[in-house]
Amino acid sequence: MQGKGKCLCGLVELEVEYASNEVAACHCSMCRNWSGGPMLAIDCADAVKISGESNVVRYQSSEWAQRGFCGKCGTHLFYFLVPNNQYHLPVGLLTSGGDYKLTHQIFIDEKPEYYEFKNETHNMTGAEVFAHFESGE
């Protein structure tokens, strides 16, 4: 499947290809601090073409990840998992291919009590997420 998206001011455009329509919700404290709520993202692996890359600011938020945003309007563009060369894009950024399904939630142990998704999903704690990546699955 293919999708396109752009930042609010239009200086950065993204063309992506993703293997599935599965969306993940990340409840970690960094995602919530970055976006004001959980990050709803779709895995785009390394299949992301960025136009206007000179306008992209990459913030190294941990040893293993970068968060990208437009340097002019501040639109959140991606979470980039460095060791896997893997992009995760906010699903709301994408303008095409709207048949998305919320299938899993990560860092469920950091989710605050004031919201709850009704979807039945596969849920993983932070420790389970790190164990998953360490095992290479």
N, C-alpha and C. Protein backbone atom coordinates (compact mmCIF):
# COMPACT_ATOMS: atom_id res chain seq x y z
N MET A 1 0.85 -1.18 0.00
CA MET A 1 0.00 0.00 0.00
C MET A 1 0.89 1.24 0.00
N GLN A 2 0.38 2.27 -0.60
CA GLN A 2 1.12 3.51 -0.67
C GLN A 2 0.33 4.62 -0.01
N GLY A 3 1.05 5.61 0.49
CA GLY A 3 0.41 6.75 1.09
C GLY A 3 1.24 8.00 0.87
N LYS A 4 0.61 9.14 1.03
CA LYS A 4 1.28 10.42 0.91
C LYS A 4 0.85 11.29 2.07
N GLY A 5 1.71 12.20 2.42
CA GLY A 5 1.38 13.15 3.46
C GLY A 5 2.27 14.37 3.35
N LYS A 6 1.87 15.44 4.02
CA LYS A 6 2.70 16.63 4.04
C LYS A 6 2.44 17.38 5.33
N CYS A 7 3.40 18.23 5.65
CA CYS A 7 3.28 19.02 6.87
C CYS A 7 2.25 20.13 6.65
N LEU A 8 1.91 20.83 7.70
CA LEU A 8 0.88 21.88 7.61
C LEU A 8 1.24 22.99 6.63
N CYS A 9 2.53 23.38 6.59
CA CYS A 9 2.91 24.48 5.70
C CYS A 9 3.25 24.01 4.30
N GLY A 10 3.37 22.68 4.09
CA GLY A 10 3.61 22.13 2.77
C GLY A 10 5.07 22.07 2.33
N LEU A 11 6.00 22.48 3.19
CA LEU A 11 7.42 22.44 2.81
C LEU A 11 7.99 21.03 2.77
N VAL A 12 7.39 20.11 3.55
CA VAL A 12 7.86 18.72 3.58
C VAL A 12 6.74 17.82 3.10
N GLU A 13 7.06 16.99 2.12
CA GLU A 13 6.10 16.01 1.62
C GLU A 13 6.71 14.62 1.76
N LEU A 14 5.87 13.67 2.08
CA LEU A 14 6.30 12.29 2.28
C LEU A 14 5.53 11.37 1.34
N GLU A 15 6.26 10.44 0.74
CA GLU A 15 5.65 9.34 0.00
C GLU A 15 6.11 8.08 0.69
N VAL A 16 5.17 7.20 1.02
CA VAL A 16 5.51 6.02 1.81
C VAL A 16 4.90 4.77 1.19
N GLU A 17 5.51 3.67 1.54
CA GLU A 17 4.96 2.37 1.20
C GLU A 17 4.97 1.57 2.49
N TYR A 18 3.87 0.93 2.78
CA TYR A 18 3.81 0.12 3.98
C TYR A 18 3.21 -1.24 3.67
N ALA A 19 3.63 -2.21 4.45
CA ALA A 19 3.26 -3.60 4.18
C ALA A 19 1.85 -3.93 4.64
N SER A 20 1.35 -3.21 5.61
CA SER A 20 0.02 -3.52 6.13
C SER A 20 -0.70 -2.24 6.51
N ASN A 21 -1.95 -2.39 6.90
CA ASN A 21 -2.76 -1.25 7.32
C ASN A 21 -2.85 -1.18 8.85
N GLU A 22 -1.95 -1.88 9.54
CA GLU A 22 -2.00 -1.95 11.00
C GLU A 22 -1.41 -0.70 11.65
N VAL A 23 -2.16 -0.15 12.58
CA VAL A 23 -1.75 1.03 13.32
C VAL A 23 -1.45 0.63 14.76
N ALA A 24 -0.41 1.22 15.30
CA ALA A 24 -0.05 1.00 16.71
C ALA A 24 -0.26 2.29 17.49
N ALA A 25 -0.66 2.15 18.72
CA ALA A 25 -0.73 3.29 19.64
C ALA A 25 0.42 3.15 20.62
N CYS A 26 1.25 4.18 20.70
CA CYS A 26 2.33 4.18 21.68
C CYS A 26 1.96 5.12 22.81
N HIS A 27 1.99 4.59 24.02
CA HIS A 27 1.61 5.35 25.21
C HIS A 27 2.81 5.78 26.04
N CYS A 28 4.03 5.63 25.51
CA CYS A 28 5.20 5.98 26.32
C CYS A 28 5.18 7.46 26.67
N SER A 29 5.86 7.81 27.74
CA SER A 29 5.85 9.19 28.21
C SER A 29 6.46 10.14 27.18
N MET A 30 7.46 9.68 26.41
CA MET A 30 8.07 10.56 25.40
C MET A 30 7.10 10.87 24.27
N CYS A 31 6.38 9.86 23.76
CA CYS A 31 5.39 10.11 22.70
C CYS A 31 4.30 11.04 23.19
N ARG A 32 3.84 10.82 24.40
CA ARG A 32 2.77 11.67 24.93
C ARG A 32 3.27 13.09 25.15
N ASN A 33 4.53 13.24 25.58
CA ASN A 33 5.10 14.57 25.75
C ASN A 33 5.29 15.26 24.41
N TRP A 34 5.70 14.50 23.40
CA TRP A 34 5.96 15.04 22.07
C TRP A 34 4.68 15.50 21.38
N SER A 35 3.62 14.71 21.51
CA SER A 35 2.41 14.98 20.73
C SER A 35 1.21 15.43 21.55
N GLY A 36 1.31 15.36 22.86
CA GLY A 36 0.18 15.74 23.70
C GLY A 36 -0.81 14.61 23.91
N GLY A 37 -0.50 13.44 23.41
CA GLY A 37 -1.35 12.26 23.56
C GLY A 37 -0.62 11.05 23.01
N PRO A 38 -1.26 9.91 22.92
CA PRO A 38 -0.59 8.74 22.39
C PRO A 38 -0.26 8.94 20.91
N MET A 39 0.82 8.33 20.46
CA MET A 39 1.15 8.41 19.04
C MET A 39 0.47 7.26 18.33
N LEU A 40 -0.34 7.57 17.33
CA LEU A 40 -0.99 6.56 16.50
C LEU A 40 -0.17 6.49 15.22
N ALA A 41 0.56 5.40 15.03
CA ALA A 41 1.56 5.33 13.97
C ALA A 41 1.42 4.09 13.12
N ILE A 42 1.91 4.21 11.89
CA ILE A 42 1.96 3.09 10.97
C ILE A 42 3.42 2.86 10.58
N ASP A 43 3.80 1.60 10.53
CA ASP A 43 5.18 1.21 10.21
C ASP A 43 5.41 1.32 8.72
N CYS A 44 6.38 2.12 8.33
CA CYS A 44 6.72 2.30 6.91
C CYS A 44 8.10 1.74 6.60
N ALA A 45 8.69 0.99 7.52
CA ALA A 45 10.03 0.41 7.35
C ALA A 45 10.97 1.49 6.84
N ASP A 46 11.72 1.20 5.78
CA ASP A 46 12.62 2.22 5.24
C ASP A 46 12.09 2.79 3.93
N ALA A 47 10.83 2.51 3.61
CA ALA A 47 10.23 2.93 2.34
C ALA A 47 9.57 4.30 2.46
N VAL A 48 10.39 5.32 2.77
CA VAL A 48 9.88 6.68 2.91
C VAL A 48 10.71 7.60 2.03
N LYS A 49 10.04 8.34 1.16
CA LYS A 49 10.70 9.33 0.32
C LYS A 49 10.29 10.70 0.86
N ILE A 50 11.29 11.50 1.22
CA ILE A 50 11.02 12.80 1.81
C ILE A 50 11.43 13.90 0.83
N SER A 51 10.47 14.73 0.44
CA SER A 51 10.75 15.92 -0.38
C SER A 51 10.79 17.11 0.56
N GLY A 52 11.77 17.97 0.38
CA GLY A 52 11.93 19.10 1.28
C GLY A 52 12.69 18.72 2.53
N GLU A 53 13.58 17.74 2.40
CA GLU A 53 14.33 17.22 3.56
C GLU A 53 15.12 18.31 4.29
N SER A 54 15.52 19.36 3.60
CA SER A 54 16.28 20.43 4.26
C SER A 54 15.45 21.15 5.32
N ASN A 55 14.13 20.97 5.27
CA ASN A 55 13.23 21.57 6.27
C ASN A 55 12.93 20.64 7.43
N VAL A 56 13.46 19.42 7.38
CA VAL A 56 13.20 18.44 8.43
C VAL A 56 14.24 18.58 9.54
N VAL A 57 13.76 18.69 10.75
CA VAL A 57 14.63 18.70 11.92
C VAL A 57 14.52 17.32 12.56
N ARG A 58 15.66 16.69 12.82
CA ARG A 58 15.68 15.39 13.48
C ARG A 58 16.19 15.58 14.90
N TYR A 59 15.37 15.17 15.85
CA TYR A 59 15.74 15.26 17.26
C TYR A 59 16.08 13.86 17.75
N GLN A 60 17.28 13.68 18.26
CA GLN A 60 17.73 12.39 18.80
C GLN A 60 17.12 12.24 20.20
N SER A 61 15.97 11.56 20.29
CA SER A 61 15.24 11.48 21.56
C SER A 61 15.74 10.35 22.47
N SER A 62 16.53 9.44 21.92
CA SER A 62 17.14 8.37 22.72
C SER A 62 18.33 7.83 21.94
N GLU A 63 19.03 6.87 22.50
CA GLU A 63 20.18 6.28 21.81
C GLU A 63 19.75 5.59 20.52
N TRP A 64 18.52 5.14 20.45
CA TRP A 64 18.06 4.31 19.34
C TRP A 64 17.03 4.99 18.44
N ALA A 65 16.62 6.21 18.74
CA ALA A 65 15.52 6.79 17.96
C ALA A 65 15.69 8.29 17.73
N GLN A 66 15.12 8.71 16.59
CA GLN A 66 15.02 10.12 16.24
C GLN A 66 13.55 10.44 16.00
N ARG A 67 13.20 11.67 16.29
CA ARG A 67 11.86 12.16 15.98
C ARG A 67 12.01 13.31 15.00
N GLY A 68 11.27 13.24 13.90
CA GLY A 68 11.39 14.25 12.87
C GLY A 68 10.20 15.17 12.83
N PHE A 69 10.46 16.46 12.60
CA PHE A 69 9.38 17.42 12.48
C PHE A 69 9.78 18.51 11.50
N CYS A 70 8.81 19.22 10.97
CA CYS A 70 9.07 20.33 10.07
C CYS A 70 9.64 21.49 10.87
N GLY A 71 10.75 22.03 10.39
CA GLY A 71 11.40 23.14 11.08
C GLY A 71 10.64 24.45 11.01
N LYS A 72 9.68 24.56 10.09
CA LYS A 72 8.89 25.80 9.99
C LYS A 72 7.59 25.73 10.77
N CYS A 73 6.77 24.70 10.49
CA CYS A 73 5.44 24.66 11.12
C CYS A 73 5.37 23.71 12.32
N GLY A 74 6.38 22.85 12.49
CA GLY A 74 6.41 21.97 13.66
C GLY A 74 5.65 20.67 13.53
N THR A 75 5.07 20.39 12.35
CA THR A 75 4.32 19.15 12.16
C THR A 75 5.19 17.94 12.48
N HIS A 76 4.66 17.01 13.25
CA HIS A 76 5.36 15.77 13.55
C HIS A 76 5.33 14.88 12.32
N LEU A 77 6.51 14.48 11.85
CA LEU A 77 6.61 13.74 10.59
C LEU A 77 6.88 12.26 10.78
N PHE A 78 7.73 11.91 11.75
CA PHE A 78 8.07 10.50 11.92
C PHE A 78 8.80 10.25 13.24
N TYR A 79 8.75 8.99 13.61
CA TYR A 79 9.60 8.41 14.64
C TYR A 79 10.50 7.45 13.87
N PHE A 80 11.81 7.60 13.99
CA PHE A 80 12.76 6.78 13.23
C PHE A 80 13.55 5.91 14.18
N LEU A 81 13.40 4.59 14.05
CA LEU A 81 14.12 3.62 14.86
C LEU A 81 15.46 3.36 14.19
N VAL A 82 16.53 3.94 14.70
CA VAL A 82 17.84 3.96 14.06
C VAL A 82 18.40 2.56 13.79
N PRO A 83 18.47 1.64 14.78
CA PRO A 83 19.10 0.34 14.51
C PRO A 83 18.41 -0.46 13.40
N ASN A 84 17.12 -0.24 13.21
CA ASN A 84 16.35 -0.99 12.21
C ASN A 84 16.14 -0.21 10.91
N ASN A 85 16.61 1.05 10.87
CA ASN A 85 16.36 1.92 9.72
C ASN A 85 14.87 1.92 9.39
N GLN A 86 14.04 2.15 10.41
CA GLN A 86 12.60 1.95 10.32
C GLN A 86 11.85 3.21 10.72
N TYR A 87 11.00 3.69 9.80
CA TYR A 87 10.18 4.87 10.04
C TYR A 87 8.79 4.46 10.52
N HIS A 88 8.29 5.19 11.48
CA HIS A 88 6.89 5.07 11.94
C HIS A 88 6.30 6.46 11.78
N LEU A 89 5.24 6.56 10.97
CA LEU A 89 4.62 7.86 10.71
C LEU A 89 3.29 7.99 11.43
N PRO A 90 3.00 9.20 11.93
CA PRO A 90 1.66 9.42 12.49
C PRO A 90 0.63 9.16 11.40
N VAL A 91 -0.30 8.29 11.67
CA VAL A 91 -1.26 7.87 10.64
C VAL A 91 -2.13 9.05 10.18
N GLY A 92 -2.37 10.01 11.03
CA GLY A 92 -3.15 11.18 10.64
C GLY A 92 -2.46 12.07 9.64
N LEU A 93 -1.16 11.91 9.48
CA LEU A 93 -0.39 12.68 8.50
C LEU A 93 -0.67 12.21 7.07
N LEU A 94 -1.06 10.95 6.93
CA LEU A 94 -1.23 10.35 5.61
C LEU A 94 -2.61 10.68 5.04
N THR A 95 -2.63 11.07 3.78
CA THR A 95 -3.89 11.51 3.15
C THR A 95 -4.53 10.44 2.28
N SER A 96 -3.83 9.32 2.05
CA SER A 96 -4.40 8.30 1.18
C SER A 96 -4.41 6.94 1.87
N GLY A 97 -5.30 6.07 1.41
CA GLY A 97 -5.37 4.71 1.93
C GLY A 97 -5.96 4.62 3.32
N GLY A 98 -7.16 5.07 3.52
CA GLY A 98 -7.75 5.18 4.84
C GLY A 98 -8.27 3.93 5.49
N ASP A 99 -7.93 2.74 5.02
CA ASP A 99 -8.46 1.50 5.60
C ASP A 99 -7.54 0.99 6.72
N TYR A 100 -7.30 1.83 7.71
CA TYR A 100 -6.38 1.49 8.79
C TYR A 100 -7.11 0.77 9.92
N LYS A 101 -6.37 -0.09 10.63
CA LYS A 101 -6.91 -0.83 11.77
C LYS A 101 -5.96 -0.70 12.96
N LEU A 102 -6.47 -0.25 14.08
CA LEU A 102 -5.68 -0.19 15.31
C LEU A 102 -5.56 -1.62 15.85
N THR A 103 -4.35 -2.19 15.77
CA THR A 103 -4.17 -3.59 16.13
C THR A 103 -3.34 -3.83 17.37
N HIS A 104 -2.50 -2.86 17.75
CA HIS A 104 -1.67 -3.09 18.93
C HIS A 104 -1.34 -1.77 19.64
N GLN A 105 -1.06 -1.94 20.92
CA GLN A 105 -0.70 -0.81 21.77
C GLN A 105 0.58 -1.18 22.52
N ILE A 106 1.52 -0.23 22.52
CA ILE A 106 2.79 -0.49 23.21
C ILE A 106 2.97 0.51 24.35
N PHE A 107 3.81 0.10 25.28
CA PHE A 107 4.03 0.85 26.52
C PHE A 107 2.69 1.06 27.24
N ILE A 108 1.88 0.00 27.21
CA ILE A 108 0.56 0.06 27.83
C ILE A 108 0.66 0.33 29.33
N ASP A 109 1.80 -0.04 29.91
CA ASP A 109 2.01 0.20 31.34
C ASP A 109 2.26 1.68 31.66
N GLU A 110 2.48 2.51 30.65
CA GLU A 110 2.67 3.95 30.87
C GLU A 110 1.42 4.75 30.50
N LYS A 111 0.38 4.07 30.02
CA LYS A 111 -0.85 4.76 29.61
C LYS A 111 -1.54 5.35 30.84
N PRO A 112 -1.87 6.63 30.80
CA PRO A 112 -2.60 7.22 31.93
C PRO A 112 -4.03 6.69 31.98
N GLU A 113 -4.64 6.84 33.11
CA GLU A 113 -5.99 6.32 33.32
C GLU A 113 -7.09 7.14 32.65
N TYR A 114 -6.80 8.35 32.21
CA TYR A 114 -7.87 9.23 31.74
C TYR A 114 -8.36 8.95 30.32
N TYR A 115 -7.77 8.00 29.62
CA TYR A 115 -8.33 7.61 28.32
C TYR A 115 -8.19 6.10 28.14
N GLU A 116 -9.03 5.58 27.25
CA GLU A 116 -9.06 4.14 26.98
C GLU A 116 -9.58 3.95 25.55
N PHE A 117 -8.92 3.10 24.76
CA PHE A 117 -9.42 2.76 23.43
C PHE A 117 -10.35 1.56 23.54
N LYS A 118 -11.42 1.57 22.76
CA LYS A 118 -12.37 0.47 22.84
C LYS A 118 -11.95 -0.73 22.00
N ASN A 119 -11.04 -0.53 21.05
CA ASN A 119 -10.60 -1.61 20.17
C ASN A 119 -9.93 -2.73 20.97
N GLU A 120 -10.16 -3.96 20.56
CA GLU A 120 -9.43 -5.09 21.13
C GLU A 120 -8.11 -5.16 20.40
N THR A 121 -7.01 -5.06 21.13
CA THR A 121 -5.68 -4.99 20.53
C THR A 121 -4.72 -5.90 21.27
N HIS A 122 -3.59 -6.15 20.62
CA HIS A 122 -2.48 -6.82 21.29
C HIS A 122 -1.74 -5.75 22.08
N ASN A 123 -1.60 -5.94 23.38
CA ASN A 123 -0.99 -4.93 24.24
C ASN A 123 0.35 -5.41 24.78
N MET A 124 1.34 -4.51 24.77
CA MET A 124 2.68 -4.85 25.26
C MET A 124 3.15 -3.77 26.22
N THR A 125 3.79 -4.20 27.30
CA THR A 125 4.42 -3.27 28.23
C THR A 125 5.74 -2.80 27.62
N GLY A 126 6.34 -1.80 28.23
CA GLY A 126 7.64 -1.33 27.77
C GLY A 126 8.68 -2.44 27.79
N ALA A 127 8.71 -3.23 28.86
CA ALA A 127 9.68 -4.33 28.96
C ALA A 127 9.46 -5.36 27.84
N GLU A 128 8.21 -5.63 27.51
CA GLU A 128 7.91 -6.58 26.43
C GLU A 128 8.34 -6.03 25.07
N VAL A 129 8.19 -4.71 24.88
CA VAL A 129 8.62 -4.09 23.62
C VAL A 129 10.12 -4.24 23.46
N PHE A 130 10.88 -3.89 24.51
CA PHE A 130 12.35 -4.00 24.43
C PHE A 130 12.79 -5.45 24.23
N ALA A 131 12.15 -6.38 24.90
CA ALA A 131 12.48 -7.80 24.73
C ALA A 131 12.20 -8.24 23.30
N HIS A 132 11.12 -7.76 22.72
CA HIS A 132 10.77 -8.09 21.34
C HIS A 132 11.85 -7.61 20.37
N PHE A 133 12.31 -6.38 20.54
CA PHE A 133 13.33 -5.85 19.64
C PHE A 133 14.69 -6.52 19.85
N GLU A 134 15.00 -6.87 21.08
CA GLU A 134 16.26 -7.55 21.37
C GLU A 134 16.29 -8.95 20.77
N SER A 135 15.13 -9.59 20.69
CA SER A 135 15.08 -10.94 20.14
C SER A 135 15.11 -10.94 18.61
N GLY A 136 14.91 -9.78 17.99
CA GLY A 136 14.96 -9.66 16.55
C GLY A 136 13.71 -10.15 15.84
N GLU A 137 12.63 -10.33 16.56
CA GLU A 137 11.38 -10.82 15.95
C GLU A 137 10.74 -9.76 15.10
